[in-house]
Amino acid sequence: MLVKSSKKDLRIMLKNLDIKGKVCPMTFVYTKLSLEELDQGDILEVILDFPPAAKNIPENCNRQNLAELMEKKEIDPEEGIWFLKLKKL
């Protein structure tokens, strides 16, 4: 698991979370822990290779009022790699 953080500006934090190789429910656990480190309005970008998590992570974030899904795309269909962009609520 690789976690990187960078300041885009003085107000918004952009954090990257690479959870390739992880499966549910741990995909959501890692996502939730990363979101808890962020402030409201900060962005978490998640890369994953467990396709059900591409659906489950946004649903659980919405259900628990943690984050809003801003973008979701499959970036490598052959490998089943997905990208999620979440904004912390």
N, C-alpha and C. Protein backbone atom coordinates (compact mmCIF):
# COMPACT_ATOMS: atom_id res chain seq x y z
N MET A 1 0.84 -1.17 0.00
CA MET A 1 0.00 0.00 0.00
C MET A 1 0.89 1.24 0.00
N LEU A 2 0.59 2.17 -0.90
CA LEU A 2 1.37 3.39 -1.03
C LEU A 2 0.46 4.58 -0.75
N VAL A 3 0.88 5.45 0.14
CA VAL A 3 0.12 6.66 0.46
C VAL A 3 1.03 7.85 0.25
N LYS A 4 0.55 8.80 -0.56
CA LYS A 4 1.31 10.02 -0.80
C LYS A 4 0.40 11.21 -0.54
N SER A 5 0.97 12.28 -0.04
CA SER A 5 0.22 13.51 0.21
C SER A 5 0.96 14.68 -0.41
N SER A 6 0.20 15.66 -0.85
CA SER A 6 0.81 16.90 -1.36
C SER A 6 -0.18 18.04 -1.18
N LYS A 7 0.35 19.24 -0.96
CA LYS A 7 -0.50 20.42 -0.84
C LYS A 7 -0.71 21.01 -2.22
N LYS A 8 -1.96 21.12 -2.66
CA LYS A 8 -2.25 21.77 -3.93
C LYS A 8 -2.23 23.28 -3.73
N ASP A 9 -2.79 23.72 -2.65
CA ASP A 9 -2.73 25.12 -2.26
C ASP A 9 -2.84 25.17 -0.75
N LEU A 10 -3.02 26.33 -0.19
CA LEU A 10 -3.05 26.45 1.26
C LEU A 10 -4.31 25.87 1.90
N ARG A 11 -5.32 25.61 1.09
CA ARG A 11 -6.58 25.16 1.66
C ARG A 11 -6.95 23.72 1.34
N ILE A 12 -6.51 23.18 0.22
CA ILE A 12 -6.95 21.85 -0.20
C ILE A 12 -5.78 20.87 -0.20
N MET A 13 -5.95 19.76 0.47
CA MET A 13 -4.95 18.69 0.49
C MET A 13 -5.36 17.64 -0.53
N LEU A 14 -4.41 17.16 -1.28
CA LEU A 14 -4.62 16.06 -2.21
C LEU A 14 -3.81 14.87 -1.71
N LYS A 15 -4.50 13.76 -1.47
CA LYS A 15 -3.83 12.57 -0.96
C LYS A 15 -4.09 11.42 -1.93
N ASN A 16 -3.07 10.63 -2.21
CA ASN A 16 -3.19 9.47 -3.08
C ASN A 16 -3.10 8.20 -2.25
N LEU A 17 -3.97 7.25 -2.56
CA LEU A 17 -3.99 5.98 -1.85
C LEU A 17 -3.99 4.86 -2.88
N ASP A 18 -2.95 4.04 -2.88
CA ASP A 18 -2.82 2.89 -3.78
C ASP A 18 -3.13 1.63 -2.98
N ILE A 19 -4.30 1.04 -3.25
CA ILE A 19 -4.69 -0.17 -2.52
C ILE A 19 -4.83 -1.36 -3.47
N LYS A 20 -4.03 -1.36 -4.52
CA LYS A 20 -4.02 -2.52 -5.41
C LYS A 20 -3.56 -3.73 -4.60
N GLY A 21 -4.19 -4.86 -4.85
CA GLY A 21 -3.86 -6.08 -4.12
C GLY A 21 -4.71 -6.29 -2.88
N LYS A 22 -5.49 -5.29 -2.50
CA LYS A 22 -6.38 -5.41 -1.33
C LYS A 22 -7.79 -5.76 -1.81
N VAL A 23 -8.54 -6.45 -0.97
CA VAL A 23 -9.92 -6.83 -1.29
C VAL A 23 -10.86 -6.32 -0.19
N CYS A 24 -12.15 -6.32 -0.51
CA CYS A 24 -13.15 -5.90 0.46
C CYS A 24 -13.16 -6.87 1.63
N PRO A 25 -13.35 -6.41 2.83
CA PRO A 25 -13.70 -5.06 3.23
C PRO A 25 -12.49 -4.16 3.49
N MET A 26 -11.28 -4.69 3.32
CA MET A 26 -10.10 -3.88 3.64
C MET A 26 -9.94 -2.68 2.71
N THR A 27 -10.45 -2.77 1.49
CA THR A 27 -10.36 -1.61 0.59
C THR A 27 -11.06 -0.41 1.21
N PHE A 28 -12.24 -0.64 1.80
CA PHE A 28 -12.95 0.46 2.44
C PHE A 28 -12.28 0.89 3.73
N VAL A 29 -11.74 -0.05 4.49
CA VAL A 29 -11.06 0.28 5.74
C VAL A 29 -9.90 1.24 5.46
N TYR A 30 -9.06 0.91 4.48
CA TYR A 30 -7.93 1.79 4.14
C TYR A 30 -8.41 3.16 3.64
N THR A 31 -9.48 3.15 2.86
CA THR A 31 -10.04 4.41 2.35
C THR A 31 -10.56 5.26 3.49
N LYS A 32 -11.31 4.64 4.39
CA LYS A 32 -11.88 5.38 5.53
C LYS A 32 -10.78 5.95 6.41
N LEU A 33 -9.75 5.16 6.71
CA LEU A 33 -8.64 5.66 7.53
C LEU A 33 -7.94 6.85 6.86
N SER A 34 -7.77 6.78 5.56
CA SER A 34 -7.15 7.90 4.84
C SER A 34 -8.03 9.13 4.87
N LEU A 35 -9.34 8.96 4.70
CA LEU A 35 -10.26 10.09 4.75
C LEU A 35 -10.26 10.74 6.13
N GLU A 36 -10.13 9.94 7.17
CA GLU A 36 -10.14 10.49 8.53
C GLU A 36 -8.95 11.40 8.79
N GLU A 37 -7.87 11.25 8.03
CA GLU A 37 -6.70 12.11 8.17
C GLU A 37 -6.86 13.45 7.46
N LEU A 38 -7.89 13.57 6.64
CA LEU A 38 -8.09 14.77 5.84
C LEU A 38 -9.10 15.71 6.48
N ASP A 39 -9.05 16.96 6.06
CA ASP A 39 -10.02 17.96 6.49
C ASP A 39 -11.16 18.02 5.47
N GLN A 40 -12.27 18.59 5.87
CA GLN A 40 -13.42 18.75 4.99
C GLN A 40 -12.99 19.48 3.72
N GLY A 41 -13.41 18.96 2.57
CA GLY A 41 -13.08 19.57 1.28
C GLY A 41 -11.81 19.03 0.65
N ASP A 42 -10.99 18.31 1.42
CA ASP A 42 -9.77 17.72 0.86
C ASP A 42 -10.13 16.57 -0.07
N ILE A 43 -9.19 16.21 -0.93
CA ILE A 43 -9.41 15.21 -1.96
C ILE A 43 -8.57 13.97 -1.71
N LEU A 44 -9.20 12.80 -1.86
CA LEU A 44 -8.50 11.52 -1.79
C LEU A 44 -8.65 10.83 -3.14
N GLU A 45 -7.52 10.51 -3.77
CA GLU A 45 -7.52 9.77 -5.02
C GLU A 45 -7.10 8.34 -4.71
N VAL A 46 -7.93 7.39 -5.12
CA VAL A 46 -7.72 5.98 -4.79
C VAL A 46 -7.51 5.18 -6.08
N ILE A 47 -6.47 4.34 -6.09
CA ILE A 47 -6.22 3.40 -7.18
C ILE A 47 -6.43 2.00 -6.60
N LEU A 48 -7.25 1.18 -7.28
CA LEU A 48 -7.54 -0.16 -6.78
C LEU A 48 -7.70 -1.13 -7.92
N ASP A 49 -7.55 -2.41 -7.61
CA ASP A 49 -7.69 -3.45 -8.64
C ASP A 49 -8.67 -4.55 -8.23
N PHE A 50 -9.56 -4.23 -7.33
CA PHE A 50 -10.62 -5.16 -6.92
C PHE A 50 -11.93 -4.53 -7.37
N PRO A 51 -12.43 -4.91 -8.58
CA PRO A 51 -13.58 -4.22 -9.18
C PRO A 51 -14.79 -4.01 -8.27
N PRO A 52 -15.19 -4.98 -7.41
CA PRO A 52 -16.34 -4.70 -6.54
C PRO A 52 -16.11 -3.49 -5.63
N ALA A 53 -14.86 -3.21 -5.28
CA ALA A 53 -14.57 -2.07 -4.41
C ALA A 53 -14.84 -0.74 -5.12
N ALA A 54 -14.74 -0.72 -6.44
CA ALA A 54 -15.02 0.50 -7.18
C ALA A 54 -16.48 0.92 -7.00
N LYS A 55 -17.33 -0.04 -6.72
CA LYS A 55 -18.74 0.24 -6.42
C LYS A 55 -18.96 0.41 -4.92
N ASN A 56 -18.34 -0.47 -4.12
CA ASN A 56 -18.59 -0.48 -2.67
C ASN A 56 -18.01 0.73 -1.93
N ILE A 57 -16.83 1.18 -2.31
CA ILE A 57 -16.22 2.31 -1.61
C ILE A 57 -17.09 3.56 -1.70
N PRO A 58 -17.50 3.99 -2.91
CA PRO A 58 -18.36 5.18 -2.96
C PRO A 58 -19.69 5.01 -2.22
N GLU A 59 -20.28 3.82 -2.33
CA GLU A 59 -21.55 3.58 -1.62
C GLU A 59 -21.37 3.69 -0.12
N ASN A 60 -20.31 3.09 0.43
CA ASN A 60 -20.07 3.17 1.87
C ASN A 60 -19.71 4.58 2.32
N CYS A 61 -18.94 5.29 1.51
CA CYS A 61 -18.61 6.68 1.85
C CYS A 61 -19.87 7.53 1.90
N ASN A 62 -20.78 7.31 0.97
CA ASN A 62 -22.04 8.05 0.94
C ASN A 62 -22.91 7.66 2.14
N ARG A 63 -23.02 6.37 2.40
CA ARG A 63 -23.85 5.87 3.51
C ARG A 63 -23.37 6.40 4.86
N GLN A 64 -22.05 6.50 5.03
CA GLN A 64 -21.49 6.96 6.30
C GLN A 64 -21.20 8.47 6.29
N ASN A 65 -21.63 9.15 5.22
CA ASN A 65 -21.47 10.60 5.09
C ASN A 65 -20.00 11.01 5.27
N LEU A 66 -19.09 10.24 4.66
CA LEU A 66 -17.66 10.50 4.76
C LEU A 66 -17.13 11.32 3.59
N ALA A 67 -17.60 10.96 2.38
CA ALA A 67 -17.04 11.59 1.19
C ALA A 67 -18.02 11.52 0.04
N GLU A 68 -17.81 12.43 -0.91
CA GLU A 68 -18.61 12.49 -2.12
C GLU A 68 -17.74 12.01 -3.28
N LEU A 69 -18.31 11.15 -4.12
CA LEU A 69 -17.59 10.67 -5.29
C LEU A 69 -17.57 11.78 -6.34
N MET A 70 -16.38 12.19 -6.73
CA MET A 70 -16.23 13.24 -7.75
C MET A 70 -15.94 12.64 -9.12
N GLU A 71 -15.23 11.51 -9.13
CA GLU A 71 -14.85 10.89 -10.40
C GLU A 71 -14.61 9.41 -10.17
N LYS A 72 -15.00 8.62 -11.16
CA LYS A 72 -14.76 7.17 -11.12
C LYS A 72 -14.51 6.72 -12.54
N LYS A 73 -13.37 6.04 -12.75
CA LYS A 73 -13.11 5.53 -14.09
C LYS A 73 -12.22 4.30 -14.03
N GLU A 74 -12.42 3.42 -15.00
CA GLU A 74 -11.58 2.25 -15.14
C GLU A 74 -10.39 2.66 -15.99
N ILE A 75 -9.20 2.62 -15.41
CA ILE A 75 -8.03 3.11 -16.13
C ILE A 75 -7.26 2.00 -16.85
N ASP A 76 -7.52 0.75 -16.52
CA ASP A 76 -6.89 -0.37 -17.21
C ASP A 76 -7.86 -1.56 -17.19
N PRO A 77 -8.70 -1.67 -18.25
CA PRO A 77 -9.70 -2.74 -18.28
C PRO A 77 -9.10 -4.14 -18.25
N GLU A 78 -7.93 -4.34 -18.85
CA GLU A 78 -7.31 -5.66 -18.86
C GLU A 78 -6.91 -6.11 -17.47
N GLU A 79 -6.41 -5.18 -16.67
CA GLU A 79 -5.97 -5.49 -15.30
C GLU A 79 -7.07 -5.22 -14.27
N GLY A 80 -8.16 -4.59 -14.70
CA GLY A 80 -9.25 -4.26 -13.77
C GLY A 80 -8.85 -3.20 -12.76
N ILE A 81 -8.09 -2.20 -13.21
CA ILE A 81 -7.62 -1.14 -12.31
C ILE A 81 -8.55 0.06 -12.42
N TRP A 82 -8.97 0.55 -11.27
CA TRP A 82 -9.93 1.65 -11.18
C TRP A 82 -9.31 2.84 -10.47
N PHE A 83 -9.84 4.03 -10.79
CA PHE A 83 -9.46 5.29 -10.16
C PHE A 83 -10.72 5.90 -9.56
N LEU A 84 -10.65 6.29 -8.29
CA LEU A 84 -11.74 7.00 -7.63
C LEU A 84 -11.21 8.30 -7.09
N LYS A 85 -11.99 9.36 -7.23
CA LYS A 85 -11.66 10.66 -6.67
C LYS A 85 -12.77 11.02 -5.69
N LEU A 86 -12.40 11.14 -4.42
CA LEU A 86 -13.37 11.40 -3.35
C LEU A 86 -13.08 12.73 -2.67
N LYS A 87 -14.14 13.47 -2.39
CA LYS A 87 -14.02 14.74 -1.66
C LYS A 87 -14.60 14.53 -0.27
N LYS A 88 -13.77 14.78 0.74
CA LYS A 88 -14.21 14.55 2.12
C LYS A 88 -15.30 15.55 2.51
N LEU A 89 -16.34 15.01 3.14
CA LEU A 89 -17.45 15.85 3.60
C LEU A 89 -17.22 16.30 5.02
